[in-house]
């Protein structure tokens, strides 16, 4: 299957969706309360019944229901995409977990800090789009690979890798 064919297959899944009618933020995040309702209706009753039938102690009940829910959502996400896109999603999702774990551990927002650093590169300071893009790429590469005071002198890339390794999510 050629790359264009794969994209057509994914696009076919959404053939009835008029992109202009559904703003990106609304589709990605705005529908989450409705998605949560649907998932609750799909799983909550059965999960509670499972916990009851297996006499799960009260102190472990919430964790069990959370674990079952999270696992079911992750399975559904991966199954909803063609294999190559699911693989890419899994790597992106794992990386985001690493970022969020590192953020929590160090009390920072790595993505926001990276964006703020990149905002300092101004298009008007360069003669061409290519020179501007190269400068952005160089600054971004340096930002992620150079130690930061807020990270005890470690680089963002290293603290994310450490977080991923802790959970066995590193490549």
N, C-alpha and C. Protein backbone atom coordinates (compact mmCIF):
# COMPACT_ATOMS: atom_id res chain seq x y z
N UNK A 1 0.85 -1.17 0.00
CA UNK A 1 0.00 0.00 0.00
C UNK A 1 0.90 1.23 0.00
N UNK A 2 0.65 2.16 -0.90
CA UNK A 2 1.42 3.39 -0.97
C UNK A 2 0.96 4.35 0.12
N UNK A 3 1.85 5.32 0.46
CA UNK A 3 1.53 6.29 1.51
C UNK A 3 0.24 7.04 1.19
N UNK A 4 0.05 7.44 -0.07
CA UNK A 4 -1.18 8.16 -0.45
C UNK A 4 -2.42 7.31 -0.22
N UNK A 5 -2.29 6.00 -0.49
CA UNK A 5 -3.43 5.10 -0.27
C UNK A 5 -3.81 5.04 1.21
N UNK A 6 -2.80 5.02 2.08
CA UNK A 6 -3.06 4.98 3.53
C UNK A 6 -3.82 6.22 3.96
N UNK A 7 -3.40 7.37 3.46
CA UNK A 7 -4.08 8.61 3.83
C UNK A 7 -5.51 8.61 3.31
N UNK A 8 -5.71 8.08 2.11
CA UNK A 8 -7.07 8.02 1.59
C UNK A 8 -7.94 7.12 2.46
N UNK A 9 -7.38 6.03 2.96
CA UNK A 9 -8.13 5.13 3.82
C UNK A 9 -8.57 5.85 5.09
N UNK A 10 -7.65 6.58 5.72
CA UNK A 10 -7.99 7.33 6.93
C UNK A 10 -9.01 8.41 6.59
N UNK A 11 -8.79 9.11 5.48
CA UNK A 11 -9.73 10.16 5.09
C UNK A 11 -11.12 9.58 4.82
N UNK A 12 -11.17 8.37 4.27
CA UNK A 12 -12.46 7.72 4.03
C UNK A 12 -13.25 7.53 5.32
N UNK A 13 -12.53 7.29 6.43
CA UNK A 13 -13.19 7.11 7.72
C UNK A 13 -13.99 8.36 8.11
N UNK A 14 -13.51 9.50 7.66
CA UNK A 14 -14.12 10.77 8.05
C UNK A 14 -14.76 11.48 6.87
N UNK A 15 -15.17 10.72 5.87
CA UNK A 15 -15.72 11.29 4.64
C UNK A 15 -16.96 12.14 4.89
N UNK A 16 -17.74 11.81 5.91
CA UNK A 16 -18.97 12.55 6.17
C UNK A 16 -18.77 13.75 7.08
N UNK A 17 -17.54 13.98 7.50
CA UNK A 17 -17.25 15.10 8.40
C UNK A 17 -16.81 16.28 7.56
N UNK A 18 -17.55 17.36 7.65
CA UNK A 18 -17.19 18.59 6.95
C UNK A 18 -16.25 19.38 7.85
N UNK A 19 -14.96 19.42 7.48
CA UNK A 19 -13.94 20.06 8.31
C UNK A 19 -14.27 21.50 8.64
N UNK A 20 -14.92 22.19 7.75
CA UNK A 20 -15.24 23.60 8.01
C UNK A 20 -16.36 23.75 9.04
N UNK A 21 -17.15 22.72 9.20
CA UNK A 21 -18.25 22.78 10.16
C UNK A 21 -17.81 22.48 11.58
N UNK A 22 -16.72 21.76 11.72
CA UNK A 22 -16.27 21.36 13.05
C UNK A 22 -14.87 21.93 13.27
N UNK A 23 -14.77 23.02 14.02
CA UNK A 23 -13.44 23.58 14.30
C UNK A 23 -12.57 22.55 15.02
N UNK A 24 -11.29 22.60 14.77
CA UNK A 24 -10.35 21.63 15.30
C UNK A 24 -10.46 21.48 16.81
N UNK A 25 -10.44 22.57 17.55
CA UNK A 25 -10.49 22.47 19.01
C UNK A 25 -11.79 21.83 19.48
N UNK A 26 -12.87 22.12 18.81
CA UNK A 26 -14.14 21.52 19.18
C UNK A 26 -14.11 20.01 18.97
N UNK A 27 -13.56 19.58 17.85
CA UNK A 27 -13.49 18.14 17.56
C UNK A 27 -12.54 17.43 18.52
N UNK A 28 -11.37 18.03 18.78
CA UNK A 28 -10.37 17.36 19.59
C UNK A 28 -10.69 17.39 21.08
N UNK A 29 -11.14 18.53 21.61
CA UNK A 29 -11.34 18.66 23.05
C UNK A 29 -12.77 18.99 23.44
N UNK A 30 -13.46 19.73 22.62
CA UNK A 30 -14.81 20.15 22.97
C UNK A 30 -15.80 19.01 23.13
N UNK A 31 -15.57 17.94 22.41
CA UNK A 31 -16.47 16.79 22.49
C UNK A 31 -16.13 15.83 23.63
N UNK A 32 -15.04 16.09 24.34
CA UNK A 32 -14.62 15.16 25.39
C UNK A 32 -15.69 14.92 26.46
N UNK A 33 -16.44 15.93 26.90
CA UNK A 33 -17.51 15.62 27.87
C UNK A 33 -18.54 14.62 27.32
N UNK A 34 -18.86 14.73 26.05
CA UNK A 34 -19.82 13.80 25.43
C UNK A 34 -19.18 12.42 25.28
N UNK A 35 -17.90 12.40 24.91
CA UNK A 35 -17.19 11.12 24.82
C UNK A 35 -17.17 10.43 26.18
N UNK A 36 -16.91 11.20 27.23
CA UNK A 36 -16.87 10.65 28.58
C UNK A 36 -18.22 10.04 28.94
N UNK A 37 -19.31 10.72 28.57
CA UNK A 37 -20.64 10.17 28.85
C UNK A 37 -20.84 8.84 28.14
N UNK A 38 -20.44 8.78 26.89
CA UNK A 38 -20.59 7.53 26.12
C UNK A 38 -19.75 6.41 26.73
N UNK A 39 -18.52 6.72 27.10
CA UNK A 39 -17.66 5.71 27.71
C UNK A 39 -18.20 5.25 29.07
N UNK A 40 -18.72 6.20 29.83
CA UNK A 40 -19.34 5.84 31.11
C UNK A 40 -20.49 4.87 30.87
N UNK A 41 -21.35 5.19 29.89
CA UNK A 41 -22.48 4.31 29.59
C UNK A 41 -22.02 2.95 29.08
N UNK A 42 -20.90 2.91 28.38
CA UNK A 42 -20.37 1.65 27.87
C UNK A 42 -19.79 0.77 28.97
N UNK A 43 -19.07 1.35 29.92
CA UNK A 43 -18.24 0.54 30.79
C UNK A 43 -18.50 0.62 32.28
N UNK A 44 -18.94 1.72 32.82
CA UNK A 44 -18.96 1.90 34.27
C UNK A 44 -19.76 0.83 34.99
N UNK A 45 -20.97 0.56 34.55
CA UNK A 45 -21.81 -0.43 35.23
C UNK A 45 -21.12 -1.79 35.27
N UNK A 46 -20.57 -2.21 34.14
CA UNK A 46 -19.90 -3.51 34.07
C UNK A 46 -18.65 -3.55 34.94
N UNK A 47 -17.92 -2.44 35.01
CA UNK A 47 -16.72 -2.39 35.83
C UNK A 47 -17.07 -2.49 37.32
N UNK A 48 -18.11 -1.80 37.71
CA UNK A 48 -18.55 -1.86 39.11
C UNK A 48 -19.03 -3.27 39.44
N UNK A 49 -19.78 -3.88 38.52
CA UNK A 49 -20.24 -5.26 38.72
C UNK A 49 -19.05 -6.21 38.83
N UNK A 50 -18.03 -6.01 37.99
CA UNK A 50 -16.82 -6.84 38.05
C UNK A 50 -16.16 -6.72 39.41
N UNK A 51 -16.04 -5.49 39.90
CA UNK A 51 -15.43 -5.25 41.22
C UNK A 51 -16.25 -5.92 42.31
N UNK A 52 -17.58 -5.81 42.22
CA UNK A 52 -18.45 -6.44 43.21
C UNK A 52 -18.31 -7.96 43.19
N UNK A 53 -18.39 -8.53 41.98
CA UNK A 53 -18.31 -9.99 41.83
C UNK A 53 -16.98 -10.54 42.34
N UNK A 54 -15.93 -9.77 42.17
CA UNK A 54 -14.60 -10.22 42.59
C UNK A 54 -14.22 -9.74 43.98
N UNK A 55 -15.21 -9.18 44.67
CA UNK A 55 -15.02 -8.72 46.05
C UNK A 55 -13.75 -7.89 46.23
N UNK A 56 -13.60 -6.92 45.32
CA UNK A 56 -12.45 -6.02 45.39
C UNK A 56 -12.62 -5.12 46.60
N UNK A 57 -11.61 -5.08 47.48
CA UNK A 57 -11.71 -4.24 48.68
C UNK A 57 -11.89 -2.77 48.31
N UNK A 58 -12.59 -2.05 49.15
CA UNK A 58 -12.90 -0.64 48.90
C UNK A 58 -11.65 0.18 48.58
N UNK A 59 -10.54 -0.09 49.31
CA UNK A 59 -9.33 0.71 49.11
C UNK A 59 -8.69 0.47 47.73
N UNK A 60 -9.00 -0.63 47.07
CA UNK A 60 -8.44 -0.90 45.74
C UNK A 60 -9.42 -0.69 44.61
N UNK A 61 -10.65 -0.40 44.95
CA UNK A 61 -11.74 -0.28 43.98
C UNK A 61 -11.52 0.84 42.97
N UNK A 62 -11.20 2.04 43.47
CA UNK A 62 -11.02 3.18 42.56
C UNK A 62 -9.87 2.94 41.58
N UNK A 63 -8.79 2.37 42.10
CA UNK A 63 -7.64 2.10 41.23
C UNK A 63 -8.00 1.07 40.17
N UNK A 64 -8.75 0.05 40.55
CA UNK A 64 -9.17 -0.97 39.59
C UNK A 64 -10.03 -0.36 38.49
N UNK A 65 -11.03 0.43 38.88
CA UNK A 65 -11.91 1.05 37.89
C UNK A 65 -11.12 2.00 36.99
N UNK A 66 -10.20 2.77 37.58
CA UNK A 66 -9.36 3.65 36.76
C UNK A 66 -8.52 2.83 35.78
N UNK A 67 -7.88 1.80 36.27
CA UNK A 67 -7.01 0.97 35.43
C UNK A 67 -7.79 0.34 34.29
N UNK A 68 -8.94 -0.20 34.59
CA UNK A 68 -9.77 -0.81 33.56
C UNK A 68 -10.22 0.23 32.52
N UNK A 69 -10.59 1.41 33.00
CA UNK A 69 -11.03 2.47 32.10
C UNK A 69 -9.89 2.94 31.20
N UNK A 70 -8.75 3.25 31.81
CA UNK A 70 -7.61 3.74 31.03
C UNK A 70 -7.19 2.69 30.01
N UNK A 71 -7.12 1.44 30.42
CA UNK A 71 -6.72 0.38 29.49
C UNK A 71 -7.71 0.26 28.34
N UNK A 72 -8.98 0.33 28.65
CA UNK A 72 -10.01 0.23 27.61
C UNK A 72 -9.93 1.40 26.63
N UNK A 73 -9.70 2.59 27.13
CA UNK A 73 -9.58 3.76 26.26
C UNK A 73 -8.36 3.62 25.37
N UNK A 74 -7.23 3.23 25.95
CA UNK A 74 -6.02 3.07 25.14
C UNK A 74 -6.22 2.00 24.07
N UNK A 75 -6.83 0.89 24.42
CA UNK A 75 -7.12 -0.14 23.42
C UNK A 75 -7.99 0.41 22.30
N UNK A 76 -9.03 1.15 22.68
CA UNK A 76 -9.95 1.71 21.70
C UNK A 76 -9.22 2.71 20.77
N UNK A 77 -8.36 3.53 21.35
CA UNK A 77 -7.61 4.50 20.54
C UNK A 77 -6.74 3.78 19.51
N UNK A 78 -6.02 2.77 19.96
CA UNK A 78 -5.11 2.07 19.06
C UNK A 78 -5.87 1.28 17.99
N UNK A 79 -7.00 0.70 18.37
CA UNK A 79 -7.79 -0.08 17.43
C UNK A 79 -8.54 0.80 16.43
N UNK A 80 -8.70 2.08 16.73
CA UNK A 80 -9.47 2.96 15.85
C UNK A 80 -8.66 3.45 14.65
N UNK A 81 -7.37 3.17 14.64
CA UNK A 81 -6.51 3.67 13.57
C UNK A 81 -5.88 2.53 12.79
N UNK A 82 -5.52 2.80 11.53
CA UNK A 82 -4.72 1.81 10.81
C UNK A 82 -3.41 1.59 11.56
N UNK A 83 -2.82 0.42 11.39
CA UNK A 83 -1.66 0.02 12.18
C UNK A 83 -0.52 1.04 12.16
N UNK A 84 -0.19 1.60 11.00
CA UNK A 84 0.94 2.54 10.94
C UNK A 84 0.64 3.82 11.72
N UNK A 85 -0.58 4.29 11.68
CA UNK A 85 -0.94 5.49 12.44
C UNK A 85 -1.05 5.17 13.93
N UNK A 86 -1.52 3.98 14.27
CA UNK A 86 -1.59 3.58 15.68
C UNK A 86 -0.18 3.50 16.25
N UNK A 87 0.76 3.00 15.47
CA UNK A 87 2.15 2.94 15.92
C UNK A 87 2.69 4.33 16.19
N UNK A 88 2.45 5.25 15.27
CA UNK A 88 2.89 6.64 15.45
C UNK A 88 2.21 7.26 16.68
N UNK A 89 0.91 7.04 16.82
CA UNK A 89 0.19 7.55 17.99
C UNK A 89 0.80 7.00 19.28
N UNK A 90 1.15 5.73 19.28
CA UNK A 90 1.70 5.15 20.51
C UNK A 90 3.01 5.82 20.89
N UNK A 91 3.87 6.11 19.93
CA UNK A 91 5.13 6.79 20.23
C UNK A 91 4.87 8.22 20.71
N UNK A 92 3.97 8.92 20.04
CA UNK A 92 3.64 10.30 20.45
C UNK A 92 3.02 10.32 21.85
N UNK A 93 2.12 9.40 22.10
CA UNK A 93 1.46 9.34 23.41
C UNK A 93 2.46 9.02 24.51
N UNK A 94 3.34 8.06 24.25
CA UNK A 94 4.37 7.72 25.23
C UNK A 94 5.24 8.94 25.52
N UNK A 95 5.63 9.65 24.47
CA UNK A 95 6.47 10.84 24.65
C UNK A 95 5.73 11.88 25.51
N UNK A 96 4.46 12.06 25.25
CA UNK A 96 3.69 13.03 26.03
C UNK A 96 3.60 12.60 27.49
N UNK A 97 3.45 11.31 27.73
CA UNK A 97 3.47 10.82 29.11
C UNK A 97 4.80 11.19 29.76
N UNK A 98 5.90 10.99 29.04
CA UNK A 98 7.21 11.34 29.56
C UNK A 98 7.33 12.82 29.88
N UNK A 99 6.79 13.67 29.01
CA UNK A 99 6.81 15.12 29.24
C UNK A 99 6.02 15.47 30.50
N UNK A 100 4.82 14.92 30.62
CA UNK A 100 3.96 15.25 31.76
C UNK A 100 4.56 14.72 33.07
N UNK A 101 5.14 13.53 33.06
CA UNK A 101 5.78 12.99 34.26
C UNK A 101 6.96 13.87 34.65
N UNK A 102 7.77 14.28 33.66
CA UNK A 102 8.91 15.17 33.94
C UNK A 102 8.42 16.52 34.46
N UNK A 103 7.37 17.05 33.85
CA UNK A 103 6.79 18.32 34.32
C UNK A 103 6.40 18.22 35.80
N UNK A 104 5.72 17.14 36.13
CA UNK A 104 5.25 16.95 37.50
C UNK A 104 6.44 16.81 38.46
N UNK A 105 7.42 16.03 38.08
CA UNK A 105 8.57 15.79 38.95
C UNK A 105 9.34 17.07 39.23
N UNK A 106 9.52 17.89 38.20
CA UNK A 106 10.35 19.09 38.34
C UNK A 106 9.54 20.38 38.53
N UNK A 107 8.22 20.30 38.49
CA UNK A 107 7.39 21.48 38.67
C UNK A 107 7.56 22.49 37.56
N UNK A 108 7.64 22.00 36.33
CA UNK A 108 7.84 22.86 35.16
C UNK A 108 6.79 22.54 34.10
N UNK A 109 6.80 23.33 33.03
CA UNK A 109 5.99 23.05 31.84
C UNK A 109 6.95 23.08 30.67
N UNK A 110 7.49 21.93 30.31
CA UNK A 110 8.51 21.85 29.27
C UNK A 110 8.02 22.35 27.92
N UNK A 111 6.81 22.00 27.55
CA UNK A 111 6.30 22.43 26.25
C UNK A 111 6.14 23.94 26.18
N UNK A 112 5.60 24.53 27.22
CA UNK A 112 5.43 25.98 27.26
C UNK A 112 6.80 26.67 27.21
N UNK A 113 7.76 26.16 27.97
CA UNK A 113 9.09 26.76 27.97
C UNK A 113 9.76 26.63 26.60
N UNK A 114 9.58 25.49 25.96
CA UNK A 114 10.15 25.31 24.61
C UNK A 114 9.52 26.28 23.62
N UNK A 115 8.20 26.42 23.67
CA UNK A 115 7.51 27.36 22.78
C UNK A 115 7.98 28.79 23.02
N UNK A 116 8.14 29.18 24.28
CA UNK A 116 8.60 30.53 24.59
C UNK A 116 10.00 30.76 24.05
N UNK A 117 10.84 29.76 24.11
CA UNK A 117 12.19 29.87 23.56
C UNK A 117 12.14 30.05 22.05
N UNK A 118 11.29 29.28 21.39
CA UNK A 118 11.18 29.37 19.93
C UNK A 118 10.57 30.68 19.46
N UNK A 119 9.71 31.28 20.28
CA UNK A 119 9.10 32.57 19.92
C UNK A 119 10.14 33.68 19.79
N UNK A 120 11.30 33.49 20.38
CA UNK A 120 12.35 34.49 20.31
C UNK A 120 12.99 34.56 18.93
N UNK A 121 12.81 33.52 18.13
CA UNK A 121 13.33 33.52 16.76
C UNK A 121 12.26 34.19 15.89
N UNK A 122 12.61 35.35 15.35
CA UNK A 122 11.65 36.14 14.56
C UNK A 122 11.92 36.00 13.07
N UNK A 123 10.87 35.80 12.32
CA UNK A 123 10.99 35.64 10.86
C UNK A 123 11.68 36.83 10.22
N UNK A 124 11.37 38.02 10.67
CA UNK A 124 11.92 39.23 10.05
C UNK A 124 13.44 39.36 10.21
N UNK A 125 14.03 38.56 11.08
CA UNK A 125 15.48 38.59 11.29
C UNK A 125 16.24 37.75 10.26
N UNK A 126 15.52 37.12 9.33
CA UNK A 126 16.16 36.22 8.37
C UNK A 126 15.78 36.60 6.95
N UNK A 127 16.71 36.33 6.04
CA UNK A 127 16.51 36.71 4.63
C UNK A 127 15.55 35.79 3.89
N UNK A 128 15.40 34.57 4.38
CA UNK A 128 14.54 33.61 3.67
C UNK A 128 13.80 32.72 4.66
N UNK A 129 12.77 32.09 4.14
CA UNK A 129 12.03 31.14 4.96
C UNK A 129 12.93 29.98 5.36
N UNK A 130 13.79 29.55 4.45
CA UNK A 130 14.68 28.44 4.73
C UNK A 130 15.63 28.77 5.88
N UNK A 131 16.19 29.98 5.86
CA UNK A 131 17.11 30.40 6.93
C UNK A 131 16.37 30.49 8.26
N UNK A 132 15.15 31.01 8.23
CA UNK A 132 14.32 31.10 9.43
C UNK A 132 14.03 29.70 9.98
N UNK A 133 13.59 28.79 9.12
CA UNK A 133 13.26 27.43 9.54
C UNK A 133 14.49 26.72 10.11
N UNK A 134 15.65 26.94 9.50
CA UNK A 134 16.88 26.34 10.01
C UNK A 134 17.21 26.87 11.40
N UNK A 135 17.04 28.18 11.60
CA UNK A 135 17.31 28.79 12.90
C UNK A 135 16.35 28.24 13.97
N UNK A 136 15.09 28.06 13.61
CA UNK A 136 14.10 27.50 14.54
C UNK A 136 14.50 26.07 14.91
N UNK A 137 14.85 25.26 13.90
CA UNK A 137 15.24 23.88 14.15
C UNK A 137 16.48 23.81 15.05
N UNK A 138 17.46 24.67 14.80
CA UNK A 138 18.69 24.67 15.60
C UNK A 138 18.39 25.07 17.04
N UNK A 139 17.57 26.10 17.20
CA UNK A 139 17.23 26.54 18.56
C UNK A 139 16.45 25.46 19.29
N UNK A 140 15.52 24.83 18.61
CA UNK A 140 14.73 23.77 19.23
C UNK A 140 15.62 22.60 19.63
N UNK A 141 16.50 22.18 18.74
CA UNK A 141 17.40 21.07 19.05
C UNK A 141 18.27 21.41 20.25
N UNK A 142 18.80 22.61 20.27
CA UNK A 142 19.64 23.03 21.39
C UNK A 142 18.82 23.07 22.69
N UNK A 143 17.61 23.62 22.61
CA UNK A 143 16.78 23.76 23.81
C UNK A 143 16.54 22.40 24.47
N UNK A 144 16.16 21.39 23.68
CA UNK A 144 15.83 20.09 24.22
C UNK A 144 17.05 19.31 24.70
N UNK A 145 18.25 19.68 24.22
CA UNK A 145 19.45 18.90 24.52
C UNK A 145 20.43 19.56 25.50
N UNK A 146 20.15 20.77 25.93
CA UNK A 146 21.05 21.48 26.85
C UNK A 146 20.44 21.49 28.25
N UNK A 147 21.30 21.28 29.25
CA UNK A 147 20.84 21.25 30.64
C UNK A 147 20.15 22.54 31.06
N UNK A 148 19.17 22.40 31.93
CA UNK A 148 18.40 23.54 32.45
C UNK A 148 18.49 23.55 33.97
N UNK A 149 18.59 24.74 34.52
CA UNK A 149 18.67 24.89 35.97
C UNK A 149 17.46 24.25 36.66
N UNK A 150 16.25 24.46 36.11
CA UNK A 150 15.02 23.94 36.72
C UNK A 150 14.99 22.41 36.72
N UNK A 151 15.86 21.78 35.91
CA UNK A 151 15.89 20.32 35.80
C UNK A 151 17.16 19.77 36.45
N UNK A 152 17.66 20.50 37.44
CA UNK A 152 18.89 20.10 38.15
C UNK A 152 20.06 19.93 37.19
N UNK A 153 20.12 20.79 36.18
CA UNK A 153 21.22 20.78 35.23
C UNK A 153 21.09 19.76 34.11
N UNK A 154 20.01 19.02 34.12
CA UNK A 154 19.80 17.99 33.08
C UNK A 154 19.03 18.59 31.93
N UNK A 155 19.12 17.96 30.78
CA UNK A 155 18.40 18.44 29.60
C UNK A 155 16.96 17.92 29.63
N UNK A 156 16.05 18.66 28.99
CA UNK A 156 14.68 18.16 28.88
C UNK A 156 14.62 16.76 28.24
N UNK A 157 15.43 16.55 27.23
CA UNK A 157 15.46 15.25 26.56
C UNK A 157 15.83 14.15 27.55
N UNK A 158 16.80 14.42 28.42
CA UNK A 158 17.23 13.41 29.39
C UNK A 158 16.18 13.13 30.45
N UNK A 159 15.51 14.17 30.96
CA UNK A 159 14.50 13.92 32.00
C UNK A 159 13.28 13.21 31.42
N UNK A 160 12.97 13.48 30.17
CA UNK A 160 11.86 12.76 29.52
C UNK A 160 12.25 11.30 29.32
N UNK A 161 13.47 11.06 28.85
CA UNK A 161 13.94 9.68 28.66
C UNK A 161 13.93 8.92 29.98
N UNK A 162 14.32 9.58 31.06
CA UNK A 162 14.30 8.95 32.38
C UNK A 162 12.87 8.59 32.78
N UNK A 163 11.95 9.51 32.56
CA UNK A 163 10.54 9.25 32.88
C UNK A 163 10.01 8.07 32.07
N UNK A 164 10.32 8.03 30.79
CA UNK A 164 9.86 6.94 29.94
C UNK A 164 10.46 5.61 30.39
N UNK A 165 11.73 5.64 30.74
CA UNK A 165 12.43 4.43 31.18
C UNK A 165 11.81 3.88 32.46
N UNK A 166 11.41 4.77 33.34
CA UNK A 166 10.79 4.35 34.62
C UNK A 166 9.59 3.46 34.39
N UNK A 167 8.86 3.71 33.30
CA UNK A 167 7.65 2.94 33.00
C UNK A 167 7.85 1.94 31.86
N UNK A 168 9.09 1.81 31.39
CA UNK A 168 9.36 0.89 30.27
C UNK A 168 8.77 1.36 28.97
N UNK A 169 8.64 2.67 28.80
CA UNK A 169 8.03 3.22 27.58
C UNK A 169 9.05 3.78 26.59
N UNK A 170 10.34 3.70 26.94
CA UNK A 170 11.33 4.20 26.00
C UNK A 170 11.46 3.22 24.84
N UNK A 171 11.84 3.77 23.71
CA UNK A 171 11.95 2.94 22.51
C UNK A 171 13.04 1.98 22.72
